[in-house]
Amino acid sequence: MKLQILIIIAFSQIILSCNNNNQNMTFRVARHTNNLSEIEAFYINVIGFENLGSFKNHDGYDGVFLGLPSSDWHLEFTSTKEPVNHEFDDDDLLVFYPSTEEVFQKIMQNIKINNIKIIKPKNPYWKKNGVHILDPDGYGLIISAQKTNNQG
């Protein structure tokens, strides 16, 4: 856990350094999955992302790029015939901050419509400041209204 925190801090410093030097950087989070179709449907239909691209049989890999077209980041999910055995814990999270209350409420509505269970986060901060759900792989997501234009 300490190593993960140090890596995140180091990466944050790299990004800040690039931003301070007027350099741009695109960020991609890549994850292998056994559930490519379900993952794609979840992030599009529940979270509201778009399919930014995909590929089939690229050296044995299929994959999708999901995110928002105007953003400088995206998620990549890949799949092969090789089974995946991830071991996520309660502190492994993707945190999303919708920019408006309307977008936040739309995600909350999608969570309800799709019968996605809201779970109690381990971290007390997220108990007060976000909604914790799991994607089809069991990876934790926090949806937080903290940065909506109504929250400041």
Protein backbone atom coordinates (compact mmCIF):
# COMPACT_ATOMS: atom_id res chain seq x y z
CA MET A 1 0.00 0.00 0.00
CA LYS A 2 2.81 2.45 0.86
CA LEU A 3 4.45 1.74 -2.51
CA GLN A 4 1.17 2.50 -4.30
CA ILE A 5 0.90 5.82 -2.48
CA LEU A 6 4.51 6.71 -3.34
CA ILE A 7 3.92 5.86 -7.00
CA ILE A 8 0.78 8.02 -7.07
CA ILE A 9 2.63 10.92 -5.39
CA ALA A 10 5.54 10.61 -7.83
CA PHE A 11 3.18 10.47 -10.80
CA SER A 12 1.28 13.51 -9.50
CA GLN A 13 4.55 15.43 -9.29
CA ILE A 14 5.38 14.50 -12.89
CA ILE A 15 1.98 15.76 -14.07
CA LEU A 16 2.31 18.99 -12.07
CA SER A 17 5.79 19.51 -13.48
CA CYS A 18 4.51 19.06 -17.02
CA ASN A 19 1.59 21.41 -16.40
CA ASN A 20 3.90 24.05 -14.92
CA ASN A 21 6.13 23.86 -18.00
CA ASN A 22 3.16 24.24 -20.37
CA GLN A 23 3.56 20.66 -21.52
CA ASN A 24 0.53 18.49 -22.17
CA MET A 25 0.11 14.85 -21.27
CA THR A 26 -2.61 12.35 -22.05
CA PHE A 27 -3.34 9.86 -19.29
CA ARG A 28 -4.59 6.31 -19.92
CA VAL A 29 -5.52 3.73 -17.32
CA ALA A 30 -5.28 0.27 -18.87
CA ARG A 31 -6.77 -2.88 -17.36
CA HIS A 32 -7.19 -6.42 -18.61
CA THR A 33 -10.63 -8.01 -18.17
CA ASN A 34 -12.55 -11.23 -18.72
CA ASN A 35 -15.72 -9.15 -19.20
CA LEU A 36 -15.00 -6.77 -22.08
CA SER A 37 -18.61 -6.43 -23.30
CA GLU A 38 -19.99 -5.98 -19.79
CA ILE A 39 -17.27 -3.46 -18.88
CA GLU A 40 -17.93 -1.44 -22.05
CA ALA A 41 -21.71 -1.41 -21.42
CA PHE A 42 -21.21 -0.42 -17.77
CA TYR A 43 -18.94 2.55 -18.41
CA ILE A 44 -21.10 3.77 -21.32
CA ASN A 45 -24.60 3.13 -19.93
CA VAL A 46 -24.00 3.83 -16.25
CA ILE A 47 -21.10 6.28 -16.04
CA GLY A 48 -21.92 8.05 -19.33
CA PHE A 49 -18.61 7.59 -21.14
CA GLU A 50 -18.28 7.16 -24.89
CA ASN A 51 -16.48 4.54 -26.91
CA LEU A 52 -13.48 6.51 -28.21
CA GLY A 53 -12.14 3.59 -30.22
CA SER A 54 -11.60 -0.13 -30.23
CA PHE A 55 -9.47 -2.86 -31.73
CA LYS A 56 -9.83 -6.57 -32.49
CA ASN A 57 -7.14 -9.24 -32.51
CA HIS A 58 -4.21 -6.86 -32.14
CA ASP A 59 -1.52 -9.44 -31.37
CA GLY A 60 -4.24 -11.53 -29.71
CA TYR A 61 -5.81 -8.63 -27.80
CA ASP A 62 -9.24 -7.05 -28.19
CA GLY A 63 -9.86 -3.73 -26.53
CA VAL A 64 -11.86 -0.55 -26.12
CA PHE A 65 -10.99 3.03 -25.19
CA LEU A 66 -13.67 4.68 -23.06
CA GLY A 67 -13.95 8.24 -21.79
CA LEU A 68 -15.13 11.69 -22.81
CA PRO A 69 -14.00 13.11 -26.17
CA SER A 70 -13.04 16.49 -24.68
CA SER A 71 -10.82 14.98 -21.96
CA ASP A 72 -7.10 14.34 -21.97
CA TRP A 73 -7.52 10.92 -20.34
CA HIS A 74 -9.32 7.66 -21.07
CA LEU A 75 -9.71 4.13 -19.82
CA GLU A 76 -8.49 1.19 -21.89
CA PHE A 77 -9.86 -2.29 -21.30
CA THR A 78 -8.30 -5.28 -23.03
CA SER A 79 -9.22 -8.93 -23.30
CA THR A 80 -7.49 -12.10 -24.48
CA LYS A 81 -8.20 -15.80 -24.14
CA GLU A 82 -6.01 -15.76 -21.03
CA PRO A 83 -8.09 -15.70 -17.83
CA VAL A 84 -7.64 -12.67 -15.60
CA ASN A 85 -7.42 -12.95 -11.83
CA HIS A 86 -7.39 -9.45 -10.33
CA GLU A 87 -7.20 -8.98 -6.60
CA PHE A 88 -8.60 -5.52 -5.92
CA ASP A 89 -8.98 -4.31 -2.37
CA ASP A 90 -11.26 -1.69 -0.83
CA ASP A 91 -8.75 1.12 -1.38
CA ASP A 92 -8.27 0.47 -5.12
CA LEU A 93 -10.62 3.04 -6.61
CA LEU A 94 -11.27 5.14 -9.67
CA VAL A 95 -12.76 8.45 -8.53
CA PHE A 96 -14.93 10.45 -10.90
CA TYR A 97 -16.04 14.04 -10.32
CA PRO A 98 -18.93 14.99 -12.62
CA SER A 99 -18.68 18.67 -13.52
CA THR A 100 -22.36 19.47 -13.00
CA GLU A 101 -25.09 18.40 -10.59
CA GLU A 102 -27.14 17.34 -13.62
CA VAL A 103 -24.45 14.88 -14.75
CA PHE A 104 -24.05 13.59 -11.18
CA GLN A 105 -27.81 13.01 -10.88
CA LYS A 106 -27.89 11.27 -14.28
CA ILE A 107 -25.20 8.83 -13.09
CA MET A 108 -27.14 8.25 -9.86
CA GLN A 109 -30.26 7.55 -11.94
CA ASN A 110 -28.29 5.12 -14.15
CA ILE A 111 -27.01 3.33 -11.04
CA LYS A 112 -30.58 2.89 -9.83
CA ILE A 113 -32.00 1.86 -13.23
CA ASN A 114 -29.27 -0.75 -13.67
CA ASN A 115 -29.76 -2.12 -10.12
CA ILE A 116 -26.16 -1.44 -9.16
CA LYS A 117 -25.59 -1.85 -5.46
CA ILE A 118 -24.19 1.15 -3.59
CA ILE A 119 -21.67 -0.13 -1.09
CA LYS A 120 -20.15 1.34 2.04
CA PRO A 121 -16.63 2.58 1.30
CA LYS A 122 -13.79 1.59 3.61
CA ASN A 123 -12.32 5.10 3.65
CA PRO A 124 -14.40 7.42 5.90
CA TYR A 125 -13.70 10.34 3.56
CA TRP A 126 -15.69 8.69 0.77
CA LYS A 127 -18.54 7.83 3.15
CA LYS A 128 -19.14 11.60 3.38
CA ASN A 129 -18.06 12.71 -0.09
CA GLY A 130 -19.02 10.10 -2.64
CA VAL A 131 -21.02 7.10 -3.75
CA HIS A 132 -19.14 3.79 -3.94
CA ILE A 133 -20.08 1.17 -6.57
CA LEU A 134 -18.30 -1.73 -8.27
CA ASP A 135 -17.82 -2.27 -11.99
CA PRO A 136 -18.43 -5.73 -13.54
CA ASP A 137 -14.88 -6.80 -12.62
CA GLY A 138 -15.44 -5.84 -8.97
CA TYR A 139 -13.23 -2.73 -9.20
CA GLY A 140 -14.36 0.14 -6.99
CA LEU A 141 -15.57 3.46 -8.34
CA ILE A 142 -16.42 6.59 -6.40
CA ILE A 143 -18.81 9.11 -7.93
CA SER A 144 -18.42 12.41 -6.11
CA ALA A 145 -20.45 15.61 -6.46
CA GLN A 146 -17.67 17.60 -4.80
CA LYS A 147 -16.58 19.33 -8.00
CA THR A 148 -19.98 20.00 -9.53
CA ASN A 149 -20.63 23.64 -10.32
CA ASN A 150 -23.09 23.66 -7.41
CA GLN A 151 -20.47 22.46 -4.90
CA GLY A 152 -17.66 24.88 -5.72
